[in-house]
PDB file of N, CA and C in Angstrom:
ATOM      1  N   MET A   1      -3.524 -30.254  19.059  1.00  0.00           N
ATOM      2  CA  MET A   1      -3.188 -28.938  18.410  1.00  0.00           C
ATOM      3  C   MET A   1      -4.432 -27.986  18.674  1.00  0.00           C
ATOM      4  N   LYS A   2      -4.102 -26.772  18.919  1.00  0.00           N
ATOM      5  CA  LYS A   2      -5.132 -25.773  19.269  1.00  0.00           C
ATOM      6  C   LYS A   2      -5.740 -25.174  18.191  1.00  0.00           C
ATOM      7  N   HIS A   3      -7.123 -25.066  18.217  1.00  0.00           N
ATOM      8  CA  HIS A   3      -8.066 -24.626  17.105  1.00  0.00           C
ATOM      9  C   HIS A   3      -8.216 -23.082  17.213  1.00  0.00           C
ATOM     10  N   LEU A   4      -7.824 -22.482  16.071  1.00  0.00           N
ATOM     11  CA  LEU A   4      -7.880 -21.080  16.109  1.00  0.00           C
ATOM     12  C   LEU A   4      -9.232 -20.703  15.726  1.00  0.00           C
ATOM     13  N   THR A   5      -9.668 -19.437  16.103  1.00  0.00           N
ATOM     14  CA  THR A   5     -10.776 -18.789  15.833  1.00  0.00           C
ATOM     15  C   THR A   5     -10.640 -18.263  14.348  1.00  0.00           C
ATOM     16  N   PRO A   6     -11.855 -17.939  13.552  1.00  0.00           N
ATOM     17  CA  PRO A   6     -11.589 -17.210  12.202  1.00  0.00           C
ATOM     18  C   PRO A   6     -10.717 -16.086  12.412  1.00  0.00           C
ATOM     19  N   GLU A   7     -10.961 -15.176  13.486  1.00  0.00           N
ATOM     20  CA  GLU A   7     -10.231 -14.056  13.535  1.00  0.00           C
ATOM     21  C   GLU A   7      -8.840 -14.321  13.757  1.00  0.00           C
ATOM     22  N   GLN A   8      -8.393 -15.212  14.605  1.00  0.00           N
ATOM     23  CA  GLN A   8      -7.061 -15.670  14.726  1.00  0.00           C
ATOM     24  C   GLN A   8      -6.434 -16.037  13.442  1.00  0.00           C
ATOM     25  N   LYS A   9      -7.036 -16.997  12.747  1.00  0.00           N
ATOM     26  CA  LYS A   9      -6.650 -17.447  11.532  1.00  0.00           C
ATOM     27  C   LYS A   9      -6.487 -16.267  10.407  1.00  0.00           C
ATOM     28  N   LYS A  10      -7.244 -15.315  10.371  1.00  0.00           N
ATOM     29  CA  LYS A  10      -7.103 -14.055   9.477  1.00  0.00           C
ATOM     30  C   LYS A  10      -5.960 -13.364   9.999  1.00  0.00           C
ATOM     31  N   LYS A  11      -5.502 -13.183  11.312  1.00  0.00           N
ATOM     32  CA  LYS A  11      -4.502 -12.601  11.734  1.00  0.00           C
ATOM     33  C   LYS A  11      -3.141 -13.283  11.432  1.00  0.00           C
ATOM     34  N   ALA A  12      -3.210 -14.538  11.588  1.00  0.00           N
ATOM     35  CA  ALA A  12      -2.011 -15.357  11.104  1.00  0.00           C
ATOM     36  C   ALA A  12      -1.692 -15.140   9.751  1.00  0.00           C
ATOM     37  N   ARG A  13      -2.806 -15.309   8.944  1.00  0.00           N
ATOM     38  CA  ARG A  13      -2.477 -15.122   7.299  1.00  0.00           C
ATOM     39  C   ARG A  13      -2.068 -13.901   7.117  1.00  0.00           C
ATOM     40  N   ARG A  14      -2.465 -12.795   7.684  1.00  0.00           N
ATOM     41  CA  ARG A  14      -1.837 -11.433   7.412  1.00  0.00           C
ATOM     42  C   ARG A  14      -0.357 -11.358   7.876  1.00  0.00           C
ATOM     43  N   ARG A  15       0.058 -11.998   9.043  1.00  0.00           N
ATOM     44  CA  ARG A  15       1.235 -11.831   9.587  1.00  0.00           C
ATOM     45  C   ARG A  15       2.125 -12.767   8.558  1.00  0.00           C
ATOM     46  N   ASP A  16       1.739 -13.836   8.248  1.00  0.00           N
ATOM     47  CA  ASP A  16       2.455 -14.626   7.302  1.00  0.00           C
ATOM     48  C   ASP A  16       2.693 -13.920   6.016  1.00  0.00           C
ATOM     49  N   ARG A  17       1.776 -13.223   5.443  1.00  0.00           N
ATOM     50  CA  ARG A  17       1.793 -12.590   4.137  1.00  0.00           C
ATOM     51  C   ARG A  17       2.766 -11.373   4.223  1.00  0.00           C
ATOM     52  N   LEU A  18       2.743 -10.625   5.378  1.00  0.00           N
ATOM     53  CA  LEU A  18       3.532  -9.464   5.546  1.00  0.00           C
ATOM     54  C   LEU A  18       4.951  -9.870   5.647  1.00  0.00           C
ATOM     55  N   ARG A  19       5.166 -10.859   6.313  1.00  0.00           N
ATOM     56  CA  ARG A  19       6.550 -11.469   6.463  1.00  0.00           C
ATOM     57  C   ARG A  19       7.082 -12.053   5.175  1.00  0.00           C
ATOM     58  N   ALA A  20       6.345 -12.806   4.566  1.00  0.00           N
ATOM     59  CA  ALA A  20       6.781 -13.487   3.214  1.00  0.00           C
ATOM     60  C   ALA A  20       7.014 -12.612   2.191  1.00  0.00           C
ATOM     61  N   LYS A  21       6.135 -11.638   1.850  1.00  0.00           N
ATOM     62  CA  LYS A  21       6.123 -10.725   0.741  1.00  0.00           C
ATOM     63  C   LYS A  21       7.038  -9.472   0.978  1.00  0.00           C
ATOM     64  N   TYR A  22       6.860  -8.964   2.190  1.00  0.00           N
ATOM     65  CA  TYR A  22       7.675  -7.535   2.476  1.00  0.00           C
ATOM     66  C   TYR A  22       8.605  -7.704   3.457  1.00  0.00           C
ATOM     67  N   ARG A  23       8.833  -8.788   4.165  1.00  0.00           N
ATOM     68  CA  ARG A  23       9.707  -8.872   5.396  1.00  0.00           C
ATOM     69  C   ARG A  23       9.557  -7.828   6.474  1.00  0.00           C
ATOM     70  N   ILE A  24       8.235  -7.497   6.743  1.00  0.00           N
ATOM     71  CA  ILE A  24       7.862  -6.747   7.785  1.00  0.00           C
ATOM     72  C   ILE A  24       6.885  -7.406   8.856  1.00  0.00           C
ATOM     73  N   THR A  25       6.761  -7.088   9.937  1.00  0.00           N
ATOM     74  CA  THR A  25       5.644  -7.681  10.846  1.00  0.00           C
ATOM     75  C   THR A  25       4.509  -6.774  10.973  1.00  0.00           C
ATOM     76  N   PRO A  26       3.288  -7.388  11.407  1.00  0.00           N
ATOM     77  CA  PRO A  26       2.115  -6.439  11.664  1.00  0.00           C
ATOM     78  C   PRO A  26       2.461  -5.173  12.467  1.00  0.00           C
ATOM     79  N   GLU A  27       3.283  -5.470  13.475  1.00  0.00           N
ATOM     80  CA  GLU A  27       3.742  -4.087  14.349  1.00  0.00           C
ATOM     81  C   GLU A  27       4.518  -3.098  13.490  1.00  0.00           C
ATOM     82  N   GLN A  28       5.349  -3.475  12.620  1.00  0.00           N
ATOM     83  CA  GLN A  28       6.128  -2.580  11.918  1.00  0.00           C
ATOM     84  C   GLN A  28       5.081  -1.779  10.944  1.00  0.00           C
ATOM     85  N   TYR A  29       3.981  -2.546  10.261  1.00  0.00           N
ATOM     86  CA  TYR A  29       3.096  -1.974   9.367  1.00  0.00           C
ATOM     87  C   TYR A  29       2.292  -1.082  10.302  1.00  0.00           C
ATOM     88  N   GLU A  30       1.774  -1.376  11.630  1.00  0.00           N
ATOM     89  CA  GLU A  30       1.126  -0.358  12.350  1.00  0.00           C
ATOM     90  C   GLU A  30       1.834   0.780  12.624  1.00  0.00           C
ATOM     91  N   ALA A  31       3.096   0.785  12.944  1.00  0.00           N
ATOM     92  CA  ALA A  31       4.074   1.858  13.250  1.00  0.00           C
ATOM     93  C   ALA A  31       4.068   2.712  12.099  1.00  0.00           C
ATOM     94  N   TRP A  32       4.152   2.137  10.919  1.00  0.00           N
ATOM     95  CA  TRP A  32       4.139   2.880   9.608  1.00  0.00           C
ATOM     96  C   TRP A  32       2.799   3.552   9.443  1.00  0.00           C
ATOM     97  N   ALA A  33       1.777   2.936   9.707  1.00  0.00           N
ATOM     98  CA  ALA A  33       0.488   3.577   9.421  1.00  0.00           C
ATOM     99  C   ALA A  33       0.268   4.715  10.373  1.00  0.00           C
ATOM    100  N   ILE A  34       0.836   4.605  11.615  1.00  0.00           N
ATOM    101  CA  ILE A  34       0.790   5.801  12.631  1.00  0.00           C
ATOM    102  C   ILE A  34       1.636   7.075  12.093  1.00  0.00           C
ATOM    103  N   LEU A  35       2.810   6.713  11.558  1.00  0.00           N
ATOM    104  CA  LEU A  35       3.566   7.787  11.081  1.00  0.00           C
ATOM    105  C   LEU A  35       3.011   8.529   9.921  1.00  0.00           C
ATOM    106  N   GLN A  36       2.303   7.746   9.144  1.00  0.00           N
ATOM    107  CA  GLN A  36       1.413   8.272   8.027  1.00  0.00           C
ATOM    108  C   GLN A  36      -0.038   8.830   8.404  1.00  0.00           C
ATOM    109  N   ASP A  37      -0.340   8.813   9.677  1.00  0.00           N
ATOM    110  CA  ASP A  37      -1.559   9.281  10.266  1.00  0.00           C
ATOM    111  C   ASP A  37      -2.748   8.390   9.472  1.00  0.00           C
ATOM    112  N   GLY A  38      -2.495   7.251   9.253  1.00  0.00           N
ATOM    113  CA  GLY A  38      -3.619   6.289   8.634  1.00  0.00           C
ATOM    114  C   GLY A  38      -3.756   6.650   7.328  1.00  0.00           C
ATOM    115  N   ARG A  39      -2.970   7.569   6.744  1.00  0.00           N
ATOM    116  CA  ARG A  39      -3.307   8.077   5.312  1.00  0.00           C
ATOM    117  C   ARG A  39      -2.377   7.501   4.243  1.00  0.00           C
ATOM    118  N   CYS A  40      -2.823   7.631   2.935  1.00  0.00           N
ATOM    119  CA  CYS A  40      -1.990   7.142   1.835  1.00  0.00           C
ATOM    120  C   CYS A  40      -0.726   8.170   1.861  1.00  0.00           C
ATOM    121  N   ALA A  41       0.527   7.587   1.511  1.00  0.00           N
ATOM    122  CA  ALA A  41       1.673   8.483   1.386  1.00  0.00           C
ATOM    123  C   ALA A  41       1.627   9.317   0.177  1.00  0.00           C
ATOM    124  N   ILE A  42       0.995   9.014  -0.823  1.00  0.00           N
ATOM    125  CA  ILE A  42       0.782   9.833  -1.938  1.00  0.00           C
ATOM    126  C   ILE A  42      -0.300  10.934  -1.943  1.00  0.00           C
ATOM    127  N   CYS A  43      -1.496  10.396  -1.858  1.00  0.00           N
ATOM    128  CA  CYS A  43      -2.724  11.186  -1.995  1.00  0.00           C
ATOM    129  C   CYS A  43      -3.087  11.941  -0.705  1.00  0.00           C
ATOM    130  N   ARG A  44      -2.626  11.236   0.371  1.00  0.00           N
ATOM    131  CA  ARG A  44      -2.845  11.843   1.854  1.00  0.00           C
ATOM    132  C   ARG A  44      -4.315  11.552   2.254  1.00  0.00           C
ATOM    133  N   GLN A  45      -5.197  10.673   1.553  1.00  0.00           N
ATOM    134  CA  GLN A  45      -6.395  10.497   1.800  1.00  0.00           C
ATOM    135  C   GLN A  45      -6.478   9.177   2.764  1.00  0.00           C
ATOM    136  N   LEU A  46      -7.631   9.193   3.488  1.00  0.00           N
ATOM    137  CA  LEU A  46      -7.776   8.014   4.440  1.00  0.00           C
ATOM    138  C   LEU A  46      -8.298   6.925   3.332  1.00  0.00           C
ATOM    139  N   PRO A  47      -7.913   5.579   3.542  1.00  0.00           N
ATOM    140  CA  PRO A  47      -8.357   4.597   2.567  1.00  0.00           C
ATOM    141  C   PRO A  47      -9.838   4.424   2.721  1.00  0.00           C
ATOM    142  N   PRO A  48     -10.657   4.200   1.495  1.00  0.00           N
ATOM    143  CA  PRO A  48     -11.998   4.095   1.530  1.00  0.00           C
ATOM    144  C   PRO A  48     -12.263   2.821   2.297  1.00  0.00           C
ATOM    145  N   VAL A  49     -13.542   2.712   3.040  1.00  0.00           N
ATOM    146  CA  VAL A  49     -13.945   1.445   3.674  1.00  0.00           C
ATOM    147  C   VAL A  49     -14.802   0.835   2.628  1.00  0.00           C
ATOM    148  N   THR A  50     -14.578  -0.320   2.248  1.00  0.00           N
ATOM    149  CA  THR A  50     -15.211  -1.190   1.412  1.00  0.00           C
ATOM    150  C   THR A  50     -15.149  -2.686   2.061  1.00  0.00           C
ATOM    151  N   PRO A  51     -16.197  -3.520   1.575  1.00  0.00           N
ATOM    152  CA  PRO A  51     -16.042  -4.987   2.008  1.00  0.00           C
ATOM    153  C   PRO A  51     -14.830  -5.658   1.557  1.00  0.00           C
ATOM    154  N   GLN A  52     -14.021  -5.155   0.439  1.00  0.00           N
ATOM    155  CA  GLN A  52     -12.890  -5.778   0.054  1.00  0.00           C
ATOM    156  C   GLN A  52     -11.787  -5.238   0.702  1.00  0.00           C
ATOM    157  N   ARG A  53     -11.614  -3.885   0.967  1.00  0.00           N
ATOM    158  CA  ARG A  53     -10.280  -3.238   1.386  1.00  0.00           C
ATOM    159  C   ARG A  53     -10.664  -2.238   2.385  1.00  0.00           C
ATOM    160  N   THR A  54     -10.115  -2.296   3.364  1.00  0.00           N
ATOM    161  CA  THR A  54     -10.172  -1.274   4.487  1.00  0.00           C
ATOM    162  C   THR A  54      -8.874  -0.795   5.000  1.00  0.00           C
ATOM    163  N   VAL A  55      -7.762  -1.337   4.411  1.00  0.00           N
ATOM    164  CA  VAL A  55      -6.429  -0.930   4.938  1.00  0.00           C
ATOM    165  C   VAL A  55      -5.487  -0.288   3.673  1.00  0.00           C
ATOM    166  N   LEU A  56      -4.346   0.300   4.197  1.00  0.00           N
ATOM    167  CA  LEU A  56      -3.513   0.761   3.090  1.00  0.00           C
ATOM    168  C   LEU A  56      -2.615  -0.591   2.665  1.00  0.00           C
ATOM    169  N   VAL A  57      -2.147  -0.610   1.402  1.00  0.00           N
ATOM    170  CA  VAL A  57      -1.354  -1.627   1.056  1.00  0.00           C
ATOM    171  C   VAL A  57       0.043  -1.251   1.220  1.00  0.00           C
ATOM    172  N   VAL A  58       0.994  -2.238   1.259  1.00  0.00           N
ATOM    173  CA  VAL A  58       2.421  -2.036   1.307  1.00  0.00           C
ATOM    174  C   VAL A  58       2.976  -1.757  -0.044  1.00  0.00           C
ATOM    175  N   ASP A  59       3.586  -0.508  -0.315  1.00  0.00           N
ATOM    176  CA  ASP A  59       4.144  -0.396  -1.588  1.00  0.00           C
ATOM    177  C   ASP A  59       5.593  -0.724  -1.377  1.00  0.00           C
ATOM    178  N   HIS A  60       5.938  -1.360  -2.634  1.00  0.00           N
ATOM    179  CA  HIS A  60       7.494  -1.885  -2.516  1.00  0.00           C
ATOM    180  C   HIS A  60       8.047  -1.795  -3.934  1.00  0.00           C
ATOM    181  N   CYS A  61       9.417  -1.631  -3.893  1.00  0.00           N
ATOM    182  CA  CYS A  61      10.194  -1.648  -5.057  1.00  0.00           C
ATOM    183  C   CYS A  61      10.159  -2.999  -5.714  1.00  0.00           C
ATOM    184  N   HIS A  62       9.720  -3.169  -6.959  1.00  0.00           N
ATOM    185  CA  HIS A  62       9.595  -4.439  -7.536  1.00  0.00           C
ATOM    186  C   HIS A  62      11.016  -5.087  -8.071  1.00  0.00           C
ATOM    187  N   THR A  63      12.093  -4.213  -8.068  1.00  0.00           N
ATOM    188  CA  THR A  63      13.313  -4.602  -8.207  1.00  0.00           C
ATOM    189  C   THR A  63      14.174  -5.189  -7.134  1.00  0.00           C
ATOM    190  N   THR A  64      13.851  -4.357  -5.967  1.00  0.00           N
ATOM    191  CA  THR A  64      14.799  -4.772  -4.650  1.00  0.00           C
ATOM    192  C   THR A  64      13.864  -5.585  -3.743  1.00  0.00           C
ATOM    193  N   GLY A  65      12.479  -5.359  -3.852  1.00  0.00           N
ATOM    194  CA  GLY A  65      11.458  -5.878  -2.922  1.00  0.00           C
ATOM    195  C   GLY A  65      11.502  -4.972  -1.617  1.00  0.00           C
ATOM    196  N   LYS A  66      12.167  -3.857  -1.529  1.00  0.00           N
ATOM    197  CA  LYS A  66      12.306  -3.050  -0.322  1.00  0.00           C
ATOM    198  C   LYS A  66      10.902  -2.422  -0.213  1.00  0.00           C
ATOM    199  N   PRO A  67      10.063  -2.566   0.929  1.00  0.00           N
ATOM    200  CA  PRO A  67       8.869  -1.586   1.153  1.00  0.00           C
ATOM    201  C   PRO A  67       9.235  -0.204   1.290  1.00  0.00           C
ATOM    202  N   ARG A  68       8.315   0.597   0.610  1.00  0.00           N
ATOM    203  CA  ARG A  68       8.593   2.141   0.519  1.00  0.00           C
ATOM    204  C   ARG A  68       7.665   2.748   1.328  1.00  0.00           C
ATOM    205  N   GLY A  69       6.356   2.343   1.433  1.00  0.00           N
ATOM    206  CA  GLY A  69       5.455   3.228   2.124  1.00  0.00           C
ATOM    207  C   GLY A  69       4.045   2.489   2.224  1.00  0.00           C
ATOM    208  N   LEU A  70       3.030   3.009   2.728  1.00  0.00           N
ATOM    209  CA  LEU A  70       1.752   2.537   2.595  1.00  0.00           C
ATOM    210  C   LEU A  70       0.823   3.322   1.710  1.00  0.00           C
ATOM    211  N   LEU A  71       0.211   2.705   0.881  1.00  0.00           N
ATOM    212  CA  LEU A  71      -0.613   3.435  -0.231  1.00  0.00           C
ATOM    213  C   LEU A  71      -2.038   3.012  -0.241  1.00  0.00           C
ATOM    214  N   CYS A  72      -2.972   3.771  -0.689  1.00  0.00           N
ATOM    215  CA  CYS A  72      -4.270   3.396  -0.826  1.00  0.00           C
ATOM    216  C   CYS A  72      -4.311   2.446  -2.215  1.00  0.00           C
ATOM    217  N   TYR A  73      -5.350   1.805  -2.516  1.00  0.00           N
ATOM    218  CA  TYR A  73      -5.327   0.862  -3.575  1.00  0.00           C
ATOM    219  C   TYR A  73      -5.318   1.605  -4.809  1.00  0.00           C
ATOM    220  N   ARG A  74      -5.897   2.788  -4.803  1.00  0.00           N
ATOM    221  CA  ARG A  74      -5.845   3.505  -6.106  1.00  0.00           C
ATOM    222  C   ARG A  74      -4.557   4.006  -6.472  1.00  0.00           C
ATOM    223  N   CYS A  75      -3.835   4.605  -5.500  1.00  0.00           N
ATOM    224  CA  CYS A  75      -2.387   5.156  -5.711  1.00  0.00           C
ATOM    225  C   CYS A  75      -1.380   3.955  -5.991  1.00  0.00           C
ATOM    226  N   ASN A  76      -1.512   2.875  -5.469  1.00  0.00           N
ATOM    227  CA  ASN A  76      -0.792   1.815  -5.506  1.00  0.00           C
ATOM    228  C   ASN A  76      -0.978   1.330  -6.978  1.00  0.00           C
ATOM    229  N   ALA A  77      -1.966   0.997  -7.441  1.00  0.00           N
ATOM    230  CA  ALA A  77      -2.493   0.537  -8.872  1.00  0.00           C
ATOM    231  C   ALA A  77      -1.955   1.452  -9.821  1.00  0.00           C
ATOM    232  N   SER A  78      -2.075   2.948  -9.532  1.00  0.00           N
ATOM    233  CA  SER A  78      -1.753   3.837 -10.551  1.00  0.00           C
ATOM    234  C   SER A  78      -0.245   3.833 -10.764  1.00  0.00           C
ATOM    235  N   LEU A  79       0.536   3.528  -9.698  1.00  0.00           N
ATOM    236  CA  LEU A  79       2.015   3.433  -9.933  1.00  0.00           C
ATOM    237  C   LEU A  79       2.375   2.142 -10.716  1.00  0.00           C
ATOM    238  N   GLY A  80       1.525   1.120 -10.488  1.00  0.00           N
ATOM    239  CA  GLY A  80       1.721  -0.009 -11.335  1.00  0.00           C
ATOM    240  C   GLY A  80       1.439   0.147 -12.925  1.00  0.00           C
ATOM    241  N   MET A  81       0.262   0.704 -12.857  1.00  0.00           N
ATOM    242  CA  MET A  81      -0.236   1.195 -14.338  1.00  0.00           C
ATOM    243  C   MET A  81       0.923   1.833 -15.174  1.00  0.00           C
ATOM    244  N   VAL A  82       1.513   2.727 -14.572  1.00  0.00           N
ATOM    245  CA  VAL A  82       2.690   3.433 -15.321  1.00  0.00           C
ATOM    246  C   VAL A  82       3.958   2.673 -15.215  1.00  0.00           C
ATOM    247  N   GLY A  83       3.922   1.672 -14.750  1.00  0.00           N
ATOM    248  CA  GLY A  83       5.268   0.944 -14.644  1.00  0.00           C
ATOM    249  C   GLY A  83       6.340   1.595 -13.684  1.00  0.00           C
ATOM    250  N   GLU A  84       5.757   2.317 -12.844  1.00  0.00           N
ATOM    251  CA  GLU A  84       6.565   3.112 -11.844  1.00  0.00           C
ATOM    252  C   GLU A  84       7.679   3.943 -12.566  1.00  0.00           C
ATOM    253  N   SER A  85       7.276   4.373 -13.847  1.00  0.00           N
ATOM    254  CA  SER A  85       8.136   5.308 -14.591  1.00  0.00           C
ATOM    255  C   SER A  85       8.174   6.783 -14.247  1.00  0.00           C
ATOM    256  N   LEU A  86       9.275   7.175 -13.761  1.00  0.00           N
ATOM    257  CA  LEU A  86       9.327   8.767 -13.591  1.00  0.00           C
ATOM    258  C   LEU A  86       9.056   9.488 -14.854  1.00  0.00           C
ATOM    259  N   ASN A  87       9.442   9.049 -15.842  1.00  0.00           N
ATOM    260  CA  ASN A  87       9.206   9.797 -17.225  1.00  0.00           C
ATOM    261  C   ASN A  87       7.724   9.791 -17.427  1.00  0.00           C
ATOM    262  N   VAL A  88       7.088   8.957 -17.384  1.00  0.00           N
ATOM    263  CA  VAL A  88       5.615   8.630 -17.560  1.00  0.00           C
ATOM    264  C   VAL A  88       5.002   9.782 -16.603  1.00  0.00           C
ATOM    265  N   LEU A  89       5.314   9.583 -15.449  1.00  0.00           N
ATOM    266  CA  LEU A  89       4.563  10.434 -14.438  1.00  0.00           C
ATOM    267  C   LEU A  89       4.861  11.917 -14.701  1.00  0.00           C
ATOM    268  N   ARG A  90       6.075  12.338 -14.924  1.00  0.00           N
ATOM    269  CA  ARG A  90       6.363  13.656 -15.329  1.00  0.00           C
ATOM    270  C   ARG A  90       5.677  14.098 -16.652  1.00  0.00           C
ATOM    271  N   ASN A  91       5.483  13.299 -17.482  1.00  0.00           N
ATOM    272  CA  ASN A  91       4.672  13.583 -18.845  1.00  0.00           C
ATOM    273  C   ASN A  91       3.151  13.832 -18.247  1.00  0.00           C
ATOM    274  N   MET A  92       2.704  12.896 -17.422  1.00  0.00           N
ATOM    275  CA  MET A  92       1.387  13.103 -16.806  1.00  0.00           C
ATOM    276  C   MET A  92       1.079  14.582 -16.228  1.00  0.00           C
ATOM    277  N   VAL A  93       2.201  14.853 -15.534  1.00  0.00           N
ATOM    278  CA  VAL A  93       2.050  16.144 -14.820  1.00  0.00           C
ATOM    279  C   VAL A  93       1.918  17.243 -15.932  1.00  0.00           C
ATOM    280  N   ARG A  94       2.879  17.213 -16.756  1.00  0.00           N
ATOM    281  CA  ARG A  94       3.005  18.198 -17.820  1.00  0.00           C
ATOM    282  C   ARG A  94       1.668  18.342 -18.495  1.00  0.00           C
ATOM    283  N   TYR A  95       1.048  17.183 -18.900  1.00  0.00           N
ATOM    284  CA  TYR A  95      -0.207  17.138 -19.718  1.00  0.00           C
ATOM    285  C   TYR A  95      -1.288  17.692 -18.843  1.00  0.00           C
ATOM    286  N   LEU A  96      -1.355  17.539 -17.663  1.00  0.00           N
ATOM    287  CA  LEU A  96      -2.449  18.298 -16.857  1.00  0.00           C
ATOM    288  C   LEU A  96      -2.227  19.785 -16.701  1.00  0.00           C
ATOM    289  N   GLU A  97      -0.880  20.007 -16.664  1.00  0.00           N
ATOM    290  CA  GLU A  97      -0.550  21.493 -16.389  1.00  0.00           C
ATOM    291  C   GLU A  97      -0.959  22.187 -17.743  1.00  0.00           C
ATOM    292  N   VAL A  98      -0.859  21.622 -19.054  1.00  0.00           N
ATOM    293  CA  VAL A  98      -1.051  22.020 -20.189  1.00  0.00           C
ATOM    294  C   VAL A  98      -2.685  22.166 -20.445  1.00  0.00           C
ATOM    295  N   HIS A  99      -3.298  21.054 -20.180  1.00  0.00           N
ATOM    296  CA  HIS A  99      -4.624  20.814 -20.452  1.00  0.00           C
ATOM    297  C   HIS A  99      -5.626  20.797 -19.254  1.00  0.00           C
ATOM    298  N   GLY A 100      -5.229  21.140 -18.097  1.00  0.00           N
ATOM    299  CA  GLY A 100      -5.904  21.280 -17.048  1.00  0.00           C
ATOM    300  C   GLY A 100      -6.590  20.034 -16.529  1.00  0.00           C
ATOM    301  N   LYS A 101      -7.504  20.041 -15.615  1.00  0.00           N
ATOM    302  CA  LYS A 101      -8.053  18.999 -15.132  1.00  0.00           C
ATOM    303  C   LYS A 101      -9.356  18.663 -16.004  1.00  0.00           C
TER     304      LYS A 101
END
């Protein structure tokens, strides 16, 4: 059996995770990232480079499992925090329009 380098193991884990969780390949992820100019689909910022996170995460519908786009950690977590509720998000926008930043 061939021994894999740490980098090869990391790539294999990423490939397996993308396939299992989102049903996409690393090549599909990269094509999506190119379409989004490497930026978050919501805030349009480049993802911050930290020791823990250097890539955009795959956002997906929790009902269907279908991938929707690539998001920075902050935007992905924000959607989760509001339960992906359009009503909550609309109320948040109205609140900021009334009260400002």
